Amino acid sequence: MLRNRDTSAASVVCFGEILLRLSSPQGELLLQRPLLNAHIGGAEANVAVSLAQLGHSVAMASVLPDNPLGRACIGELRRHGVLTDPIQTGAGRIGLYFLTVGAGHRPSEVLYDREASAFALAAPDLIDWKRVLAQAKWLHVSGVTAALGSRAAESALRAVHMARAQGVSVSFDCNYRAKLWERWHGDARAILRELASEAELLFAEERDLALILGRDFSDVPAHERFRTAAAAALTTFPRVQRIATTLRVERSVDDHDLSAALMSRTGLHTTRSYSLTRIIDRIGSGDAVAAAILHGAQTGLETQATLDFGLAAACLKHSIAGDFNLVGVADVHALLRDGGFTVRR
C-alpha cells in the first residue's frame, strides 16, 4: 500500500470506512443507462479531506483491501493532503454505495453494499491507537462506523475510549443510518449513546438526540425541538460541550433553505438561512459542517463565528460533485463576506 510516514504531525485523526460511491448521472435512475460515476467517499474521509483543504494536518485511520481499489482510495486521500499511514489492510472487499441522484420531487436514494468489507471484518485491535493518536488533539468518528456490525461497533468504541485515555478530544457525528442498523439488529440506541457520552463535540439533529436519549420531543413546538433536545443531551452527557446541527427546508430536491444551530453550555447560537437552488450534490454537506466546526475549534474562533463558518462551508459543498468538500478558508470567507458572483480574475 502507498504510505506517507509523517502521521505523527496530525492534529486530527478521522476513523471510519472509506467507500467507493457509484452514482447515476444527474436526472437518471440507477442503470437507466449502463453508466455510473465513481467517487471516493465515506463520512469520516469526507471530514478528513475537508480539514486538509482548510489547512489542517489530518490523518485517516481505516482498513482497506490490498488491491487496486484500496490503493486508489489511499492515492485519492493523499492527493487531497490527508495522511494515510494509519490505514491498514485486511481480508475482504471495499465497501460500496450506490446513489440514485434525485430530481424535482423524486428524492435521491442510497443503496449500501458493505457486507463483508475489509473494514467491517477487521479485528477491533488492528489499529495501534496509542501510536496513531500520539500527537493528536482530536479524534473524529461517526455513527455510520458503529452501524456496520458488531466488530465495527467495538472498533469505534475502542477508538473513543483510547482517545479519552490519551487526553484526545472526541468529535462524534451521530449519523444514524437505519438501513445499516436493521441489517444486523444492532442496538443503535445503546451504542450511539455510549459513543456520544465520550465526546466533547457532538453533531446530532433532534431525531438523533431523541433516539440516544430515549425521549420523544414531538410534543415540543418544531422551532424549539433542537434547543430542547440539545439541552437534555447536555444534561445527560457531562463531557459534551457543544452540539451542532443543520436545519433544512426542502421545496424540491434542488431547492432548499439551509441554516444551522449550535447549543453550548452558555446558550443557543443560530445562523442566517441560505437559499440553495440548482444543487449539484448534497452528499457530504453534513461532513463539511463537522470539518468546519473542528476548524473553528482548532483555530480559536468564537462560537458564533465557528457556526457561521461551518454553515458557509456546507453551502459551498452543495455546488461540488462527489462526497468531498474541496473549498479552502478563503472560499468560505468570500461567501461570508457576500462577495457576489462576479468572475474572480
Foldseek 3Di string as FASTA:
>chain_A
DDADPPLLQAQEEEEAAKEKEWEDPPPDFVPPPVDTDIFIDDLRLQLQLLLVQQPGAYEYAFEAAPDPVRVVNVVVSVVSPYGYHNYHYFDFHHWYKYWYPDDFAGHIDIDTDGPRGRRLPDALVPGPLCSSCVNYQEYEYELVQLLQDDRSLSNLLVNLVVCVVNNHAYEYEHPDDPVSNVVHVHQSLVSSLSNLLSHQEYEDALVSLCSNVVHDQVVPPPVCRRVVSVVVVCVVRVNHFKYKYKDWDDPTNFWIKIWMWMQGPVGIEIDDIDTGGPFDDQAQLSSQLVSQLVVCVVVVNDPNVSRLLSRLQSSQQRNDPHNHRNHYPVSSVCVVVVVDDPDDD
